[in-house]
Amino acid sequence: MSGAIRVHDDMLLAASEALAQQVTEENFEKGLIYPPFSNIRKISAHIAASVAAKAYELGLASRRPRPKDLVKYAESCMYSPIYRNYR
């Protein structure tokens, strides 16, 4: 979503940190080390926004101008499996 054509190690680290931030104390108390799958779209948007922010910070992003709200932009880029009813 940032237009980066290379993946820097710091971008992978940003993805890992963003995922870790999505795990709550409640999740830990339940023995979960990852957030629940039911929140996958929200979690994915936050991870994508963090990776894109790092790409912009490193000068690797080619999509200009940088979106003001990277989370909202990530959500707008997501595929939504909604199908029209043809009958």
PDB file of N, CA and C in Angstrom:
ATOM      1  N   MET A   1       0.806  -1.200   0.000  1.00  0.00           N
ATOM      2  CA  MET A   1       0.000   0.000   0.000  1.00  0.00           C
ATOM      3  C   MET A   1       0.847   1.261   0.000  1.00  0.00           C
ATOM      4  N   SER A   2       2.127   1.108   0.306  1.00  0.00           N
ATOM      5  CA  SER A   2       3.040   2.257   0.275  1.00  0.00           C
ATOM      6  C   SER A   2       3.762   2.363  -1.056  1.00  0.00           C
ATOM      7  N   GLY A   3       3.677   1.316  -1.857  1.00  0.00           N
ATOM      8  CA  GLY A   3       4.378   1.300  -3.126  1.00  0.00           C
ATOM      9  C   GLY A   3       5.828   0.867  -2.995  1.00  0.00           C
ATOM     10  N   ALA A   4       6.222   0.392  -1.823  1.00  0.00           N
ATOM     11  CA  ALA A   4       7.606  -0.059  -1.628  1.00  0.00           C
ATOM     12  C   ALA A   4       7.856  -1.315  -2.468  1.00  0.00           C
ATOM     13  N   ILE A   5       9.003  -1.372  -3.116  1.00  0.00           N
ATOM     14  CA  ILE A   5       9.327  -2.543  -3.934  1.00  0.00           C
ATOM     15  C   ILE A   5      10.358  -3.441  -3.260  1.00  0.00           C
ATOM     16  N   ARG A   6      10.903  -2.959  -2.137  1.00  0.00           N
ATOM     17  CA  ARG A   6      11.838  -3.772  -1.349  1.00  0.00           C
ATOM     18  C   ARG A   6      11.315  -3.866   0.075  1.00  0.00           C
ATOM     19  N   VAL A   7      11.594  -4.985   0.728  1.00  0.00           N
ATOM     20  CA  VAL A   7      11.207  -5.163   2.129  1.00  0.00           C
ATOM     21  C   VAL A   7      12.476  -5.130   2.972  1.00  0.00           C
ATOM     22  N   HIS A   8      12.581  -4.119   3.794  1.00  0.00           N
ATOM     23  CA  HIS A   8      13.725  -3.939   4.681  1.00  0.00           C
ATOM     24  C   HIS A   8      13.466  -4.718   5.970  1.00  0.00           C
ATOM     25  N   ASP A   9      14.526  -5.148   6.628  1.00  0.00           N
ATOM     26  CA  ASP A   9      14.390  -5.867   7.896  1.00  0.00           C
ATOM     27  C   ASP A   9      13.560  -5.082   8.914  1.00  0.00           C
ATOM     28  N   ASP A  10      13.713  -3.770   8.907  1.00  0.00           N
ATOM     29  CA  ASP A  10      12.960  -2.940   9.852  1.00  0.00           C
ATOM     30  C   ASP A  10      11.457  -2.984   9.573  1.00  0.00           C
ATOM     31  N   MET A  11      11.070  -3.242   8.330  1.00  0.00           N
ATOM     32  CA  MET A  11       9.650  -3.372   7.998  1.00  0.00           C
ATOM     33  C   MET A  11       9.096  -4.672   8.590  1.00  0.00           C
ATOM     34  N   LEU A  12       9.885  -5.732   8.551  1.00  0.00           N
ATOM     35  CA  LEU A  12       9.470  -6.997   9.163  1.00  0.00           C
ATOM     36  C   LEU A  12       9.369  -6.848  10.680  1.00  0.00           C
ATOM     37  N   LEU A  13      10.298  -6.117  11.248  1.00  0.00           N
ATOM     38  CA  LEU A  13      10.251  -5.861  12.683  1.00  0.00           C
ATOM     39  C   LEU A  13       9.009  -5.043  13.040  1.00  0.00           C
ATOM     40  N   ALA A  14       8.674  -4.066  12.220  1.00  0.00           N
ATOM     41  CA  ALA A  14       7.475  -3.251  12.457  1.00  0.00           C
ATOM     42  C   ALA A  14       6.216  -4.124  12.421  1.00  0.00           C
ATOM     43  N   ALA A  15       6.182  -5.081  11.498  1.00  0.00           N
ATOM     44  CA  ALA A  15       5.032  -5.993  11.418  1.00  0.00           C
ATOM     45  C   ALA A  15       4.943  -6.844  12.680  1.00  0.00           C
ATOM     46  N   SER A  16       6.065  -7.361  13.138  1.00  0.00           N
ATOM     47  CA  SER A  16       6.094  -8.187  14.349  1.00  0.00           C
ATOM     48  C   SER A  16       5.655  -7.401  15.572  1.00  0.00           C
ATOM     49  N   GLU A  17       6.144  -6.187  15.685  1.00  0.00           N
ATOM     50  CA  GLU A  17       5.784  -5.348  16.835  1.00  0.00           C
ATOM     51  C   GLU A  17       4.308  -4.966  16.797  1.00  0.00           C
ATOM     52  N   ALA A  18       3.792  -4.680  15.601  1.00  0.00           N
ATOM     53  CA  ALA A  18       2.379  -4.326  15.474  1.00  0.00           C
ATOM     54  C   ALA A  18       1.489  -5.506  15.859  1.00  0.00           C
ATOM     55  N   LEU A  19       1.881  -6.705  15.464  1.00  0.00           N
ATOM     56  CA  LEU A  19       1.117  -7.893  15.845  1.00  0.00           C
ATOM     57  C   LEU A  19       1.155  -8.089  17.356  1.00  0.00           C
ATOM     58  N   ALA A  20       2.319  -7.944  17.949  1.00  0.00           N
ATOM     59  CA  ALA A  20       2.458  -8.125  19.397  1.00  0.00           C
ATOM     60  C   ALA A  20       1.618  -7.112  20.173  1.00  0.00           C
ATOM     61  N   GLN A  21       1.501  -5.896  19.646  1.00  0.00           N
ATOM     62  CA  GLN A  21       0.713  -4.865  20.319  1.00  0.00           C
ATOM     63  C   GLN A  21      -0.783  -5.173  20.309  1.00  0.00           C
ATOM     64  N   GLN A  22      -1.214  -6.042  19.426  1.00  0.00           N
ATOM     65  CA  GLN A  22      -2.636  -6.384  19.329  1.00  0.00           C
ATOM     66  C   GLN A  22      -3.056  -7.453  20.337  1.00  0.00           C
ATOM     67  N   VAL A  23      -2.093  -8.058  21.026  1.00  0.00           N
ATOM     68  CA  VAL A  23      -2.398  -9.072  22.035  1.00  0.00           C
ATOM     69  C   VAL A  23      -2.650  -8.351  23.358  1.00  0.00           C
ATOM     70  N   THR A  24      -3.824  -8.578  23.935  1.00  0.00           N
ATOM     71  CA  THR A  24      -4.204  -7.903  25.176  1.00  0.00           C
ATOM     72  C   THR A  24      -3.867  -8.768  26.390  1.00  0.00           C
ATOM     73  N   GLU A  25      -3.935  -8.154  27.557  1.00  0.00           N
ATOM     74  CA  GLU A  25      -3.741  -8.896  28.801  1.00  0.00           C
ATOM     75  C   GLU A  25      -4.781 -10.006  28.915  1.00  0.00           C
ATOM     76  N   GLU A  26      -5.979  -9.705  28.491  1.00  0.00           N
ATOM     77  CA  GLU A  26      -7.056 -10.708  28.512  1.00  0.00           C
ATOM     78  C   GLU A  26      -6.679 -11.914  27.650  1.00  0.00           C
ATOM     79  N   ASN A  27      -6.068 -11.665  26.496  1.00  0.00           N
ATOM     80  CA  ASN A  27      -5.610 -12.758  25.638  1.00  0.00           C
ATOM     81  C   ASN A  27      -4.566 -13.601  26.352  1.00  0.00           C
ATOM     82  N   PHE A  28      -3.614 -12.924  27.009  1.00  0.00           N
ATOM     83  CA  PHE A  28      -2.562 -13.636  27.744  1.00  0.00           C
ATOM     84  C   PHE A  28      -3.148 -14.493  28.859  1.00  0.00           C
ATOM     85  N   GLU A  29      -4.143 -13.942  29.560  1.00  0.00           N
ATOM     86  CA  GLU A  29      -4.776 -14.684  30.650  1.00  0.00           C
ATOM     87  C   GLU A  29      -5.461 -15.949  30.142  1.00  0.00           C
ATOM     88  N   LYS A  30      -5.913 -15.908  28.897  1.00  0.00           N
ATOM     89  CA  LYS A  30      -6.544 -17.081  28.280  1.00  0.00           C
ATOM     90  C   LYS A  30      -5.499 -18.032  27.693  1.00  0.00           C
ATOM     91  N   GLY A  31      -4.235 -17.666  27.778  1.00  0.00           N
ATOM     92  CA  GLY A  31      -3.165 -18.499  27.239  1.00  0.00           C
ATOM     93  C   GLY A  31      -2.882 -18.277  25.770  1.00  0.00           C
ATOM     94  N   LEU A  32      -3.403 -17.190  25.206  1.00  0.00           N
ATOM     95  CA  LEU A  32      -3.190 -16.889  23.787  1.00  0.00           C
ATOM     96  C   LEU A  32      -1.922 -16.062  23.612  1.00  0.00           C
ATOM     97  N   ILE A  33      -1.137 -16.396  22.610  1.00  0.00           N
ATOM     98  CA  ILE A  33       0.044 -15.581  22.309  1.00  0.00           C
ATOM     99  C   ILE A  33      -0.178 -14.725  21.059  1.00  0.00           C
ATOM    100  N   TYR A  34      -1.295 -14.978  20.370  1.00  0.00           N
ATOM    101  CA  TYR A  34      -1.699 -14.170  19.216  1.00  0.00           C
ATOM    102  C   TYR A  34      -3.105 -13.651  19.478  1.00  0.00           C
ATOM    103  N   PRO A  35      -3.467 -12.539  18.858  1.00  0.00           N
ATOM    104  CA  PRO A  35      -4.838 -12.043  19.037  1.00  0.00           C
ATOM    105  C   PRO A  35      -5.832 -12.990  18.365  1.00  0.00           C
ATOM    106  N   PRO A  36      -7.089 -12.949  18.779  1.00  0.00           N
ATOM    107  CA  PRO A  36      -8.080 -13.857  18.188  1.00  0.00           C
ATOM    108  C   PRO A  36      -8.319 -13.577  16.704  1.00  0.00           C
ATOM    109  N   PHE A  37      -8.583 -14.631  15.984  1.00  0.00           N
ATOM    110  CA  PHE A  37      -8.793 -14.533  14.540  1.00  0.00           C
ATOM    111  C   PHE A  37     -10.036 -13.710  14.196  1.00  0.00           C
ATOM    112  N   SER A  38     -10.963 -13.607  15.128  1.00  0.00           N
ATOM    113  CA  SER A  38     -12.193 -12.847  14.873  1.00  0.00           C
ATOM    114  C   SER A  38     -11.903 -11.371  14.591  1.00  0.00           C
ATOM    115  N   ASN A  39     -10.741 -10.884  14.984  1.00  0.00           N
ATOM    116  CA  ASN A  39     -10.355  -9.482  14.757  1.00  0.00           C
ATOM    117  C   ASN A  39      -9.356  -9.330  13.621  1.00  0.00           C
ATOM    118  N   ILE A  40      -9.290 -10.307  12.730  1.00  0.00           N
ATOM    119  CA  ILE A  40      -8.219 -10.354  11.734  1.00  0.00           C
ATOM    120  C   ILE A  40      -8.155  -9.119  10.835  1.00  0.00           C
ATOM    121  N   ARG A  41      -9.278  -8.571  10.446  1.00  0.00           N
ATOM    122  CA  ARG A  41      -9.252  -7.412   9.535  1.00  0.00           C
ATOM    123  C   ARG A  41      -8.689  -6.174  10.239  1.00  0.00           C
ATOM    124  N   LYS A  42      -9.100  -5.942  11.478  1.00  0.00           N
ATOM    125  CA  LYS A  42      -8.596  -4.810  12.241  1.00  0.00           C
ATOM    126  C   LYS A  42      -7.097  -4.974  12.502  1.00  0.00           C
ATOM    127  N   ILE A  43      -6.719  -6.175  12.888  1.00  0.00           N
ATOM    128  CA  ILE A  43      -5.314  -6.468  13.172  1.00  0.00           C
ATOM    129  C   ILE A  43      -4.464  -6.296  11.910  1.00  0.00           C
ATOM    130  N   SER A  44      -4.946  -6.815  10.807  1.00  0.00           N
ATOM    131  CA  SER A  44      -4.217  -6.710   9.540  1.00  0.00           C
ATOM    132  C   SER A  44      -4.035  -5.259   9.115  1.00  0.00           C
ATOM    133  N   ALA A  45      -5.061  -4.438   9.319  1.00  0.00           N
ATOM    134  CA  ALA A  45      -4.961  -3.020   8.961  1.00  0.00           C
ATOM    135  C   ALA A  45      -3.884  -2.331   9.790  1.00  0.00           C
ATOM    136  N   HIS A  46      -3.824  -2.648  11.076  1.00  0.00           N
ATOM    137  CA  HIS A  46      -2.805  -2.036  11.940  1.00  0.00           C
ATOM    138  C   HIS A  46      -1.398  -2.505  11.559  1.00  0.00           C
ATOM    139  N   ILE A  47      -1.268  -3.779  11.215  1.00  0.00           N
ATOM    140  CA  ILE A  47       0.042  -4.281  10.798  1.00  0.00           C
ATOM    141  C   ILE A  47       0.470  -3.615   9.492  1.00  0.00           C
ATOM    142  N   ALA A  48      -0.439  -3.553   8.528  1.00  0.00           N
ATOM    143  CA  ALA A  48      -0.124  -2.924   7.241  1.00  0.00           C
ATOM    144  C   ALA A  48       0.250  -1.459   7.424  1.00  0.00           C
ATOM    145  N   ALA A  49      -0.470  -0.759   8.292  1.00  0.00           N
ATOM    146  CA  ALA A  49      -0.177   0.656   8.541  1.00  0.00           C
ATOM    147  C   ALA A  49       1.206   0.818   9.162  1.00  0.00           C
ATOM    148  N   SER A  50       1.573  -0.062  10.072  1.00  0.00           N
ATOM    149  CA  SER A  50       2.893   0.015  10.708  1.00  0.00           C
ATOM    150  C   SER A  50       4.009  -0.245   9.702  1.00  0.00           C
ATOM    151  N   VAL A  51       3.797  -1.231   8.849  1.00  0.00           N
ATOM    152  CA  VAL A  51       4.807  -1.541   7.827  1.00  0.00           C
ATOM    153  C   VAL A  51       4.928  -0.376   6.834  1.00  0.00           C
ATOM    154  N   ALA A  52       3.791   0.174   6.429  1.00  0.00           N
ATOM    155  CA  ALA A  52       3.824   1.310   5.504  1.00  0.00           C
ATOM    156  C   ALA A  52       4.507   2.515   6.143  1.00  0.00           C
ATOM    157  N   ALA A  53       4.214   2.769   7.407  1.00  0.00           N
ATOM    158  CA  ALA A  53       4.849   3.898   8.109  1.00  0.00           C
ATOM    159  C   ALA A  53       6.366   3.728   8.112  1.00  0.00           C
ATOM    160  N   LYS A  54       6.816   2.509   8.346  1.00  0.00           N
ATOM    161  CA  LYS A  54       8.268   2.243   8.346  1.00  0.00           C
ATOM    162  C   LYS A  54       8.840   2.442   6.943  1.00  0.00           C
ATOM    163  N   ALA A  55       8.104   2.018   5.919  1.00  0.00           N
ATOM    164  CA  ALA A  55       8.567   2.207   4.536  1.00  0.00           C
ATOM    165  C   ALA A  55       8.711   3.702   4.227  1.00  0.00           C
ATOM    166  N   TYR A  56       7.750   4.506   4.675  1.00  0.00           N
ATOM    167  CA  TYR A  56       7.847   5.951   4.465  1.00  0.00           C
ATOM    168  C   TYR A  56       9.037   6.517   5.238  1.00  0.00           C
ATOM    169  N   GLU A  57       9.221   6.057   6.464  1.00  0.00           N
ATOM    170  CA  GLU A  57      10.326   6.531   7.299  1.00  0.00           C
ATOM    171  C   GLU A  57      11.675   6.206   6.676  1.00  0.00           C
ATOM    172  N   LEU A  58      11.789   5.040   6.057  1.00  0.00           N
ATOM    173  CA  LEU A  58      13.045   4.613   5.445  1.00  0.00           C
ATOM    174  C   LEU A  58      13.257   5.166   4.035  1.00  0.00           C
ATOM    175  N   GLY A  59      12.261   5.858   3.513  1.00  0.00           N
ATOM    176  CA  GLY A  59      12.373   6.403   2.167  1.00  0.00           C
ATOM    177  C   GLY A  59      12.158   5.363   1.078  1.00  0.00           C
ATOM    178  N   LEU A  60      11.521   4.256   1.410  1.00  0.00           N
ATOM    179  CA  LEU A  60      11.293   3.182   0.439  1.00  0.00           C
ATOM    180  C   LEU A  60       9.919   3.258  -0.219  1.00  0.00           C
ATOM    181  N   ALA A  61       9.055   4.105   0.285  1.00  0.00           N
ATOM    182  CA  ALA A  61       7.698   4.210  -0.252  1.00  0.00           C
ATOM    183  C   ALA A  61       7.684   5.076  -1.505  1.00  0.00           C
ATOM    184  N   SER A  62       6.934   4.624  -2.491  1.00  0.00           N
ATOM    185  CA  SER A  62       6.834   5.405  -3.727  1.00  0.00           C
ATOM    186  C   SER A  62       5.446   6.023  -3.905  1.00  0.00           C
ATOM    187  N   ARG A  63       4.481   5.610  -3.116  1.00  0.00           N
ATOM    188  CA  ARG A  63       3.139   6.191  -3.213  1.00  0.00           C
ATOM    189  C   ARG A  63       3.134   7.528  -2.482  1.00  0.00           C
ATOM    190  N   ARG A  64       2.953   8.570  -3.260  1.00  0.00           N
ATOM    191  CA  ARG A  64       2.952   9.930  -2.730  1.00  0.00           C
ATOM    192  C   ARG A  64       1.669  10.626  -3.110  1.00  0.00           C
ATOM    193  N   PRO A  65       1.154  11.486  -2.289  1.00  0.00           N
ATOM    194  CA  PRO A  65       1.623  11.796  -0.950  1.00  0.00           C
ATOM    195  C   PRO A  65       1.249  10.681   0.026  1.00  0.00           C
ATOM    196  N   ARG A  66       1.909  10.683   1.166  1.00  0.00           N
ATOM    197  CA  ARG A  66       1.617   9.698   2.209  1.00  0.00           C
ATOM    198  C   ARG A  66       0.198   9.933   2.731  1.00  0.00           C
ATOM    199  N   PRO A  67      -0.624   8.895   2.812  1.00  0.00           N
ATOM    200  CA  PRO A  67      -1.971   9.073   3.375  1.00  0.00           C
ATOM    201  C   PRO A  67      -1.886   9.576   4.813  1.00  0.00           C
ATOM    202  N   LYS A  68      -2.815  10.443   5.183  1.00  0.00           N
ATOM    203  CA  LYS A  68      -2.800  11.013   6.538  1.00  0.00           C
ATOM    204  C   LYS A  68      -3.095   9.945   7.585  1.00  0.00           C
ATOM    205  N   ASP A  69      -4.043   9.066   7.297  1.00  0.00           N
ATOM    206  CA  ASP A  69      -4.409   8.003   8.237  1.00  0.00           C
ATOM    207  C   ASP A  69      -4.107   6.657   7.576  1.00  0.00           C
ATOM    208  N   LEU A  70      -2.990   6.082   7.934  1.00  0.00           N
ATOM    209  CA  LEU A  70      -2.550   4.839   7.283  1.00  0.00           C
ATOM    210  C   LEU A  70      -3.453   3.655   7.613  1.00  0.00           C
ATOM    211  N   VAL A  71      -4.043   3.645   8.802  1.00  0.00           N
ATOM    212  CA  VAL A  71      -4.947   2.544   9.150  1.00  0.00           C
ATOM    213  C   VAL A  71      -6.196   2.596   8.275  1.00  0.00           C
ATOM    214  N   LYS A  72      -6.787   3.762   8.155  1.00  0.00           N
ATOM    215  CA  LYS A  72      -7.978   3.905   7.292  1.00  0.00           C
ATOM    216  C   LYS A  72      -7.630   3.591   5.837  1.00  0.00           C
ATOM    217  N   TYR A  73      -6.467   4.014   5.398  1.00  0.00           N
ATOM    218  CA  TYR A  73      -6.052   3.722   4.032  1.00  0.00           C
ATOM    219  C   TYR A  73      -5.869   2.215   3.833  1.00  0.00           C
ATOM    220  N   ALA A  74      -5.282   1.545   4.827  1.00  0.00           N
ATOM    221  CA  ALA A  74      -5.107   0.096   4.748  1.00  0.00           C
ATOM    222  C   ALA A  74      -6.469  -0.595   4.653  1.00  0.00           C
ATOM    223  N   GLU A  75      -7.412  -0.127   5.441  1.00  0.00           N
ATOM    224  CA  GLU A  75      -8.763  -0.702   5.401  1.00  0.00           C
ATOM    225  C   GLU A  75      -9.400  -0.502   4.031  1.00  0.00           C
ATOM    226  N   SER A  76      -9.145   0.643   3.416  1.00  0.00           N
ATOM    227  CA  SER A  76      -9.731   0.914   2.101  1.00  0.00           C
ATOM    228  C   SER A  76      -9.097   0.061   1.003  1.00  0.00           C
ATOM    229  N   CYS A  77      -7.892  -0.427   1.246  1.00  0.00           N
ATOM    230  CA  CYS A  77      -7.198  -1.269   0.261  1.00  0.00           C
ATOM    231  C   CYS A  77      -7.578  -2.746   0.385  1.00  0.00           C
ATOM    232  N   MET A  78      -8.240  -3.093   1.472  1.00  0.00           N
ATOM    233  CA  MET A  78      -8.563  -4.500   1.713  1.00  0.00           C
ATOM    234  C   MET A  78      -9.661  -4.993   0.781  1.00  0.00           C
ATOM    235  N   TYR A  79      -9.518  -6.241   0.407  1.00  0.00           N
ATOM    236  CA  TYR A  79     -10.549  -6.912  -0.375  1.00  0.00           C
ATOM    237  C   TYR A  79     -11.711  -7.251   0.548  1.00  0.00           C
ATOM    238  N   SER A  80     -12.912  -6.947   0.117  1.00  0.00           N
ATOM    239  CA  SER A  80     -14.102  -7.317   0.871  1.00  0.00           C
ATOM    240  C   SER A  80     -14.886  -8.361   0.098  1.00  0.00           C
ATOM    241  N   PRO A  81     -14.992  -9.557   0.639  1.00  0.00           N
ATOM    242  CA  PRO A  81     -15.674 -10.646  -0.079  1.00  0.00           C
ATOM    243  C   PRO A  81     -17.205 -10.514   0.000  1.00  0.00           C
ATOM    244  N   ILE A  82     -17.705  -9.467  -0.606  1.00  0.00           N
ATOM    245  CA  ILE A  82     -19.154  -9.256  -0.656  1.00  0.00           C
ATOM    246  C   ILE A  82     -19.600  -9.475  -2.094  1.00  0.00           C
ATOM    247  N   TYR A  83     -20.516 -10.375  -2.279  1.00  0.00           N
ATOM    248  CA  TYR A  83     -20.970 -10.733  -3.613  1.00  0.00           C
ATOM    249  C   TYR A  83     -22.401 -10.261  -3.817  1.00  0.00           C
ATOM    250  N   ARG A  84     -22.664  -9.791  -5.011  1.00  0.00           N
ATOM    251  CA  ARG A  84     -24.019  -9.371  -5.351  1.00  0.00           C
ATOM    252  C   ARG A  84     -24.902 -10.578  -5.564  1.00  0.00           C
ATOM    253  N   ASN A  85     -26.147 -10.416  -5.216  1.00  0.00           N
ATOM    254  CA  ASN A  85     -27.118 -11.468  -5.458  1.00  0.00           C
ATOM    255  C   ASN A  85     -27.650 -11.293  -6.886  1.00  0.00           C
ATOM    256  N   TYR A  86     -27.502 -12.309  -7.709  1.00  0.00           N
ATOM    257  CA  TYR A  86     -27.906 -12.190  -9.120  1.00  0.00           C
ATOM    258  C   TYR A  86     -29.338 -12.675  -9.354  1.00  0.00           C
ATOM    259  N   ARG A  87     -30.019 -13.057  -8.352  1.00  0.00           N
ATOM    260  CA  ARG A  87     -31.412 -13.517  -8.535  1.00  0.00           C
ATOM    261  C   ARG A  87     -32.388 -12.547  -7.990  1.00  0.00           C
TER     262      ARG A  87
END
